[in-house]
Amino acid sequence: MRFALRRTGQAALVVVATFVLAFLLLQALPGDAIVARYASPELGLTAAQLDELRAVYGTDQPIWVQLWHSAAGFLTGDLGTSLQSGASVETLLAAALPSTLLLASLGFVVAVLLAVGIAVAATNGPGWLRRGFRSLPPLFVSIPVFWLGIVLLQVLSFRLGLVPVINASPAEALILPVLTIAVPIAAPLAQVLIRSIDDTVAEPFIAVARSRGAGPGWVLSREVARNALLPTLTIAGVLFGELVAGAVVTETVFARSGLGRLTQEAVANRDIPVLQAIVVISGVGFVVINLVVDLVSPAIDPRLRRAVHA
C-alpha cells in the first residue's frame, strides 16, 4: 500500500508539472491568438473591440491569474472556450476523442500481436528465418509514419485495390490507419521482447526444464513468456505517447476526424485552450498507464514484490 500511495503521489506531481509547463510554454508562443483569429479585413474589428474580446477570453490578465483560472477550471471540469470556434473545449474533445481512442486501441492491439509474432519467429525456427525476422524491427523503427501511411494508401488501395478508400465502410476505413500507427509501435516492442526472450532462454532454469523433458512449446509458454513479459510491459507503457503523436500524423494523412486533426487545427489557429487541454489529457493518460504498469509489475515478477517490501 505504501508503494502504491508513493507512486500515485509521484504521478500526481507529474500531472501538475505537465499542466504548469504546458501552460507556460503555450503562453510563450509568439503572436496574439485574438489578432490571428479576429483581426481580418472581412470582420473589420477595431482595436477597442479586439481589447474587449481579450477581456472576454481572459487573455488580457496577467499570466499567473490566467494560470490560476485555468487550473481551477480543469479541477471543476471547465476546460475553457475555443478561440477559433467559440465552442467549449470539452465539447470539441468529446467529439474528437472517441475516434482517436478507437484508432489508438486497435493500433496498439495490432502492434502487440505483430511484435509477438516477430519475436516468436525471430527466436525459433531455422537460422535464416530468425535472421530475417530480427532485421524487421530496425527497419520498422526507421520508417516515418507519414511516409508509411502514404505508401500503404498508394499500394494497398490505389495499386492493388485491396482496401477501398472511397465509399469505404467504417471497418474498412480503419484498416490502413491502424496499420500505419501499429508498425512503428510494434518495432520497439519486438526488439525488447526478442532481447528478453534471448536473456531468459540463457538462464539455468530453462536448461533444467528442458532436461526434465519439457518441449519447446511448453518452455516458451510456461517458462520464457512470463519472465520476458516484464521489460516488454514497461516499454509498452512508455510507447503510449507514440500513439498520440502517431494519431496526429495518421489522422491527417487519412483525413480522419479525431484528436490528431483537432490538434493540427489548434496549432494552425493558435487555439491555446484547445492545445492546453490536449496536452494535459495526453499527459494524464500517459501517467496513468505508466502508473498501472508500475503497480501491475510486482504481481508479475515476485522479485519486484520483494524489492517493494524491502
Protein backbone atom coordinates (compact mmCIF):
# COMPACT_ATOMS: atom_id res chain seq x y z
CA MET A 1 0.00 0.00 0.00
CA ARG A 2 2.85 2.39 0.81
CA PHE A 3 4.41 1.68 -2.58
CA ALA A 4 1.09 2.29 -4.34
CA LEU A 5 0.48 5.55 -2.48
CA ARG A 6 4.03 6.74 -3.16
CA ARG A 7 3.76 6.02 -6.89
CA THR A 8 0.32 7.64 -7.04
CA GLY A 9 1.67 10.76 -5.36
CA GLN A 10 4.57 10.90 -7.83
CA ALA A 11 2.13 10.53 -10.71
CA ALA A 12 0.04 13.40 -9.36
CA LEU A 13 3.13 15.63 -9.18
CA VAL A 14 3.98 14.77 -12.79
CA VAL A 15 0.45 15.74 -13.88
CA VAL A 16 0.71 19.08 -12.04
CA ALA A 17 4.12 19.77 -13.58
CA THR A 18 2.76 18.87 -17.01
CA PHE A 19 -0.11 21.30 -16.63
CA VAL A 20 2.09 24.18 -15.45
CA LEU A 21 4.80 23.66 -18.06
CA ALA A 22 2.29 23.25 -20.88
CA PHE A 23 0.54 26.46 -19.84
CA LEU A 24 3.76 28.48 -19.62
CA LEU A 25 5.16 27.16 -22.90
CA LEU A 26 1.92 27.81 -24.78
CA GLN A 27 1.73 31.30 -23.36
CA ALA A 28 5.29 31.93 -24.53
CA LEU A 29 4.36 31.31 -28.16
CA PRO A 30 4.85 34.45 -30.27
CA GLY A 31 1.88 36.36 -31.61
CA ASP A 32 -1.63 37.06 -30.39
CA ALA A 33 -4.33 34.43 -30.86
CA ILE A 34 -7.09 37.05 -30.76
CA VAL A 35 -5.40 39.08 -33.50
CA ALA A 36 -4.75 35.95 -35.57
CA ARG A 37 -8.40 34.94 -35.33
CA TYR A 38 -10.35 38.21 -35.44
CA ALA A 39 -8.10 40.94 -36.90
CA SER A 40 -9.07 40.38 -40.53
CA PRO A 41 -10.34 42.97 -43.03
CA GLU A 42 -13.55 40.99 -43.53
CA LEU A 43 -14.54 41.36 -39.88
CA GLY A 44 -13.45 44.99 -39.64
CA LEU A 45 -13.00 44.98 -35.87
CA THR A 46 -11.42 48.00 -34.23
CA ALA A 47 -8.59 47.88 -31.67
CA ALA A 48 -11.09 48.61 -28.89
CA GLN A 49 -13.25 45.68 -29.96
CA LEU A 50 -10.20 43.40 -30.02
CA ASP A 51 -9.43 44.52 -26.47
CA GLU A 52 -12.99 43.62 -25.46
CA LEU A 53 -12.51 40.15 -26.94
CA ARG A 54 -9.31 39.74 -24.95
CA ALA A 55 -11.26 40.67 -21.82
CA VAL A 56 -13.99 38.15 -22.69
CA TYR A 57 -11.48 35.32 -23.14
CA GLY A 58 -9.32 36.48 -20.20
CA THR A 59 -6.15 36.83 -22.28
CA ASP A 60 -5.63 40.40 -21.08
CA GLN A 61 -4.97 39.29 -17.50
CA PRO A 62 -1.51 38.57 -16.00
CA ILE A 63 -0.13 35.12 -16.67
CA TRP A 64 -0.34 34.00 -13.05
CA VAL A 65 -4.05 34.97 -12.96
CA GLN A 66 -4.70 33.07 -16.19
CA LEU A 67 -2.83 30.07 -14.76
CA TRP A 68 -4.94 30.12 -11.61
CA HIS A 69 -8.23 30.39 -13.53
CA SER A 70 -7.16 27.64 -15.93
CA ALA A 71 -6.19 25.31 -13.08
CA ALA A 72 -9.46 25.98 -11.26
CA GLY A 73 -11.36 25.30 -14.46
CA PHE A 74 -9.59 21.97 -15.04
CA LEU A 75 -10.34 20.87 -11.48
CA THR A 76 -14.04 21.64 -11.96
CA GLY A 77 -14.30 20.16 -15.46
CA ASP A 78 -14.34 23.52 -17.28
CA LEU A 79 -11.57 23.28 -19.90
CA GLY A 80 -12.23 26.71 -21.35
CA THR A 81 -13.54 28.02 -24.67
CA SER A 82 -12.01 27.58 -28.10
CA LEU A 83 -10.67 30.85 -29.51
CA GLN A 84 -11.29 29.58 -33.02
CA SER A 85 -14.85 28.23 -32.91
CA GLY A 86 -16.21 29.69 -29.67
CA ALA A 87 -17.35 26.23 -28.57
CA SER A 88 -16.42 24.78 -25.21
CA VAL A 89 -13.21 22.74 -25.27
CA GLU A 90 -14.86 19.79 -23.56
CA THR A 91 -17.44 19.65 -26.38
CA LEU A 92 -14.71 19.56 -29.00
CA LEU A 93 -12.81 16.86 -27.10
CA ALA A 94 -15.94 14.78 -26.58
CA ALA A 95 -16.49 14.79 -30.34
CA ALA A 96 -12.88 14.03 -31.28
CA LEU A 97 -11.69 11.68 -28.53
CA PRO A 98 -13.75 8.51 -29.29
CA SER A 99 -12.40 8.25 -32.85
CA THR A 100 -8.80 8.64 -31.68
CA LEU A 101 -9.24 6.20 -28.80
CA LEU A 102 -10.64 3.59 -31.18
CA LEU A 103 -7.76 4.10 -33.61
CA ALA A 104 -5.13 4.05 -30.84
CA SER A 105 -6.62 0.98 -29.13
CA LEU A 106 -6.84 -1.06 -32.32
CA GLY A 107 -3.38 0.12 -33.35
CA PHE A 108 -1.90 -0.95 -30.03
CA VAL A 109 -3.56 -4.38 -30.17
CA VAL A 110 -2.28 -4.96 -33.71
CA ALA A 111 1.18 -3.71 -32.66
CA VAL A 112 1.30 -6.20 -29.77
CA LEU A 113 0.21 -9.10 -31.99
CA LEU A 114 2.73 -8.09 -34.64
CA ALA A 115 5.52 -7.76 -32.08
CA VAL A 116 4.77 -11.15 -30.51
CA GLY A 117 4.67 -12.81 -33.93
CA ILE A 118 8.01 -11.26 -34.93
CA ALA A 119 9.64 -12.17 -31.59
CA VAL A 120 8.47 -15.80 -31.72
CA ALA A 121 9.63 -16.19 -35.32
CA ALA A 122 12.95 -14.47 -34.53
CA THR A 123 13.76 -16.82 -31.65
CA ASN A 124 12.53 -20.12 -33.13
CA GLY A 125 12.99 -21.95 -36.40
CA PRO A 126 15.84 -22.09 -38.92
CA GLY A 127 18.73 -19.66 -38.69
CA TRP A 128 17.87 -17.81 -41.92
CA LEU A 129 14.31 -17.28 -40.69
CA ARG A 130 15.48 -15.94 -37.34
CA ARG A 131 17.92 -13.56 -39.00
CA GLY A 132 15.25 -12.31 -41.37
CA PHE A 133 12.75 -11.54 -38.61
CA ARG A 134 15.41 -9.97 -36.37
CA SER A 135 16.06 -7.42 -39.12
CA LEU A 136 12.41 -6.30 -39.24
CA PRO A 137 12.28 -4.19 -36.02
CA PRO A 138 15.17 -1.88 -37.03
CA LEU A 139 13.52 -1.48 -40.43
CA PHE A 140 10.14 -0.63 -38.88
CA VAL A 141 11.71 1.88 -36.49
CA SER A 142 13.31 3.79 -39.36
CA ILE A 143 10.08 4.23 -41.33
CA PRO A 144 8.43 7.67 -40.87
CA VAL A 145 4.75 7.44 -40.02
CA PHE A 146 3.60 9.87 -42.71
CA TRP A 147 5.63 8.02 -45.39
CA LEU A 148 4.27 4.64 -44.28
CA GLY A 149 0.69 5.93 -44.46
CA ILE A 150 1.19 7.30 -47.96
CA VAL A 151 2.85 4.06 -49.17
CA LEU A 152 0.08 1.87 -47.72
CA LEU A 153 -2.52 4.11 -49.30
CA GLN A 154 -0.76 4.03 -52.68
CA VAL A 155 -0.01 0.29 -52.75
CA LEU A 156 -2.93 -1.39 -50.98
CA SER A 157 -5.65 0.97 -52.18
CA PHE A 158 -4.69 2.57 -55.48
CA ARG A 159 -2.41 -0.13 -56.92
CA LEU A 160 -3.83 -3.42 -55.65
CA GLY A 161 -7.35 -2.30 -54.75
CA LEU A 162 -7.36 -4.44 -51.60
CA VAL A 163 -8.61 -1.73 -49.24
CA PRO A 164 -11.17 0.79 -50.53
CA VAL A 165 -10.78 4.43 -49.62
CA ILE A 166 -13.83 5.76 -51.47
CA ASN A 167 -17.24 4.82 -50.04
CA ALA A 168 -15.48 2.57 -47.53
CA SER A 169 -17.34 1.14 -44.55
CA PRO A 170 -16.27 2.26 -41.05
CA ALA A 171 -14.36 -1.00 -40.59
CA GLU A 172 -12.60 -0.73 -43.96
CA ALA A 173 -11.69 2.88 -43.27
CA LEU A 174 -9.80 1.78 -40.15
CA ILE A 175 -7.54 -0.83 -41.79
CA LEU A 176 -4.84 1.44 -43.23
CA PRO A 177 -4.75 3.94 -40.32
CA VAL A 178 -4.46 1.07 -37.82
CA LEU A 179 -1.59 -0.50 -39.78
CA THR A 180 0.12 2.89 -40.08
CA ILE A 181 0.02 3.51 -36.35
CA ALA A 182 0.79 -0.12 -35.38
CA VAL A 183 4.03 -0.70 -37.31
CA PRO A 184 6.16 1.96 -35.52
CA ILE A 185 4.84 0.79 -32.14
CA ALA A 186 5.48 -2.89 -32.92
CA ALA A 187 9.16 -2.31 -33.72
CA PRO A 188 10.49 -1.38 -30.24
CA LEU A 189 8.12 -3.88 -28.62
CA ALA A 190 9.55 -6.65 -30.79
CA GLN A 191 13.13 -5.55 -30.13
CA VAL A 192 12.67 -5.61 -26.36
CA LEU A 193 10.75 -8.89 -26.46
CA ILE A 194 13.42 -10.59 -28.61
CA ARG A 195 16.16 -9.44 -26.23
CA SER A 196 14.15 -10.56 -23.20
CA ILE A 197 13.50 -13.98 -24.72
CA ASP A 198 17.20 -14.41 -25.53
CA ASP A 199 18.20 -13.47 -21.98
CA THR A 200 15.59 -15.75 -20.43
CA VAL A 201 16.48 -18.74 -22.61
CA ALA A 202 20.10 -18.43 -21.41
CA GLU A 203 19.04 -18.78 -17.75
CA PRO A 204 19.87 -22.06 -15.93
CA PHE A 205 16.24 -22.84 -15.03
CA ILE A 206 15.43 -23.15 -18.75
CA ALA A 207 18.12 -25.81 -19.13
CA VAL A 208 16.66 -27.60 -16.11
CA ALA A 209 13.17 -27.54 -17.62
CA ARG A 210 14.49 -28.94 -20.88
CA SER A 211 16.45 -31.67 -19.07
CA ARG A 212 13.21 -32.80 -17.49
CA GLY A 213 11.72 -33.42 -20.92
CA ALA A 214 9.80 -30.15 -21.47
CA GLY A 215 9.17 -29.43 -25.14
CA PRO A 216 9.93 -26.13 -26.88
CA GLY A 217 6.29 -25.03 -26.84
CA TRP A 218 5.89 -25.75 -23.12
CA VAL A 219 9.16 -23.97 -22.28
CA LEU A 220 8.20 -20.93 -24.34
CA SER A 221 4.66 -20.58 -22.98
CA ARG A 222 5.24 -21.57 -19.34
CA GLU A 223 8.80 -20.51 -18.55
CA VAL A 224 10.04 -17.96 -21.07
CA ALA A 225 6.93 -15.87 -21.73
CA ARG A 226 6.25 -14.74 -18.17
CA ASN A 227 9.86 -13.82 -17.45
CA ALA A 228 10.26 -11.99 -20.77
CA LEU A 229 6.98 -10.09 -20.34
CA LEU A 230 8.07 -7.54 -17.73
CA PRO A 231 10.52 -5.45 -19.84
CA THR A 232 8.04 -5.53 -22.72
CA LEU A 233 5.24 -4.37 -20.44
CA THR A 234 7.37 -1.47 -19.24
CA ILE A 235 8.24 -0.27 -22.75
CA ALA A 236 4.60 -0.70 -23.78
CA GLY A 237 3.58 1.88 -21.19
CA VAL A 238 6.24 4.29 -22.42
CA LEU A 239 5.11 3.84 -26.02
CA PHE A 240 1.66 5.22 -25.22
CA GLY A 241 2.99 8.66 -26.08
CA GLU A 242 3.82 7.38 -29.55
CA LEU A 243 0.15 6.58 -30.09
CA VAL A 244 -0.82 10.22 -29.56
CA ALA A 245 1.96 11.50 -31.83
CA GLY A 246 1.16 8.87 -34.43
CA ALA A 247 -2.53 9.74 -34.33
CA VAL A 248 -1.78 13.36 -35.23
CA VAL A 249 0.05 12.33 -38.41
CA THR A 250 -2.17 9.35 -39.25
CA GLU A 251 -5.45 11.22 -38.97
CA THR A 252 -4.02 13.99 -41.13
CA VAL A 253 -2.82 11.59 -43.85
CA PHE A 254 -6.11 9.70 -43.98
CA ALA A 255 -8.32 12.76 -43.38
CA ARG A 256 -9.89 11.23 -40.27
CA SER A 257 -11.59 13.32 -37.65
CA GLY A 258 -10.18 12.92 -34.19
CA LEU A 259 -7.76 14.28 -31.65
CA GLY A 260 -4.97 14.46 -34.21
CA ARG A 261 -6.95 16.62 -36.61
CA LEU A 262 -8.13 18.77 -33.71
CA THR A 263 -4.50 19.26 -32.63
CA GLN A 264 -3.45 20.21 -36.13
CA GLU A 265 -6.21 22.80 -36.44
CA ALA A 266 -5.50 24.18 -32.96
CA VAL A 267 -1.79 24.61 -33.78
CA ALA A 268 -2.60 26.33 -37.08
CA ASN A 269 -5.02 28.73 -35.38
CA ARG A 270 -3.06 29.24 -32.14
CA ASP A 271 -6.06 27.93 -30.22
CA ILE A 272 -4.29 27.78 -26.86
CA PRO A 273 -7.21 26.50 -24.70
CA VAL A 274 -7.66 23.51 -27.02
CA LEU A 275 -3.92 22.81 -27.12
CA GLN A 276 -3.69 23.09 -23.35
CA ALA A 277 -6.47 20.56 -22.87
CA ILE A 278 -5.00 18.12 -25.40
CA VAL A 279 -1.53 18.27 -23.83
CA VAL A 280 -2.86 17.80 -20.30
CA ILE A 281 -5.21 14.96 -21.24
CA SER A 282 -2.43 13.21 -23.15
CA GLY A 283 -0.10 13.67 -20.19
CA VAL A 284 -2.69 12.30 -17.77
CA GLY A 285 -3.24 9.26 -19.98
CA PHE A 286 0.50 8.67 -20.26
CA VAL A 287 0.99 8.95 -16.48
CA VAL A 288 -1.99 6.73 -15.65
CA ILE A 289 -0.87 3.95 -17.99
CA ASN A 290 2.66 4.00 -16.61
CA LEU A 291 1.27 4.03 -13.08
CA VAL A 292 -0.80 0.94 -13.87
CA VAL A 293 2.29 -0.75 -15.32
CA ASP A 294 4.28 0.03 -12.17
CA LEU A 295 1.53 -1.34 -9.94
CA VAL A 296 1.00 -4.48 -12.03
CA SER A 297 4.69 -5.33 -12.45
CA PRO A 298 5.17 -6.67 -8.88
CA ALA A 299 2.23 -9.01 -9.47
CA ILE A 300 4.04 -10.47 -12.47
CA ASP A 301 7.58 -10.69 -11.06
CA PRO A 302 7.94 -11.90 -7.43
CA ARG A 303 11.42 -10.36 -7.27
CA LEU A 304 9.83 -6.91 -7.59
CA ARG A 305 7.47 -7.70 -4.72
CA ARG A 306 10.47 -8.45 -2.51
CA ALA A 307 12.11 -5.20 -3.63
CA VAL A 308 8.95 -3.22 -2.87
CA HIS A 309 8.63 -4.71 0.63
CA ALA A 310 12.31 -4.10 1.26
